[in-house]
Amino acid sequence: MSIWARFSRFVKSIFGGAISALEDPKLILEQNIRELNDQVPKMNENIATVKANVMLLRKEVKKYESELADLTSKIKAGIQAGRDDIAERYALRLQDVKEALLRTKEQLKYGSAAYDKAIQVKKAFMREKERKIAEAKDALRAHERAKWQARVADTLESFEVTGIDQTHDEMISRINEQTAKNEARMEMALDSVDTDAMQIEEDAEQIRAAELVKQFKLEMGVGDTSGSKEEPELDIPEQEHEAGTKTIGKQRTQN
């Protein structure tokens, strides 16, 4: 590879990358859509020019055909009148008209073919234009969706790095930790209380109150003192029940 070729490739690599970096695909697609739409009026103008040429050629063909018929009738009239000189003059003119008519018909043939081709080209162009515009619009909509998704992604990343997400998780963790501590304190407080002893004392007080009422009834001679009212069955351990019975017996002896 020559030095010039290597230098050219180096320059292209620098400026080509810079141009690519400056190009905005969205703006370029929008410009392409405008250019495609702008080509339609120009194409219509060219087709109109071709069609106008065909119409002029058709008029010329009709003119030459009419002139040809007129010259033919004049030649015949001159021959019938015995004026060959006049017939000969019209005959030369008739020959020129025939040649012009053939040339014009040939031009009309190619002009009509060109017009038909222009119409076909326009139809093909319009189909391709609509396809490219639809494709460009789809790409532009996808571009807008991608921009929106990028903004959402940036927001989510900011949550995870230094935003709401970090403080949110930290505060939730603190609340859960404080809740666990309070629950543990409650369980420890409940474990430190002798609930069985409290229940035994409550049952003993109930038995003592029943005995006092019974003694009042004996002294007053009221009701059935044999214990017609059943004492409530209490769920008291056997040892505590015996201790309670002994205590009540001592109280009766004292009384």
Foldseek 3Di string as FASTA:
>chain_A
DDPVVVVVVVVCVVVVVVVVVPDDLLVVLVVVLVVLVVVLVVLVVVLVVLVVLLVVLVVLLVVLVVLLVVLVVQLVVCVVVVNNVSNVVSVVVNVVSVVVNVVSVVVSVVSVVVSVVSVVVSVVSVVVSVVSNVVSVVVNVVVVVVVVVVVVVVVVVCLVPPDVVVVVVVVVVVVVVVVVVVVVVVVVVVVVDPVLVVLLVVVLVVVVVVVVVLVVCVVVVDDDSVCPDDDDDDDDDPVSVVVSVVVVVVVVVVD
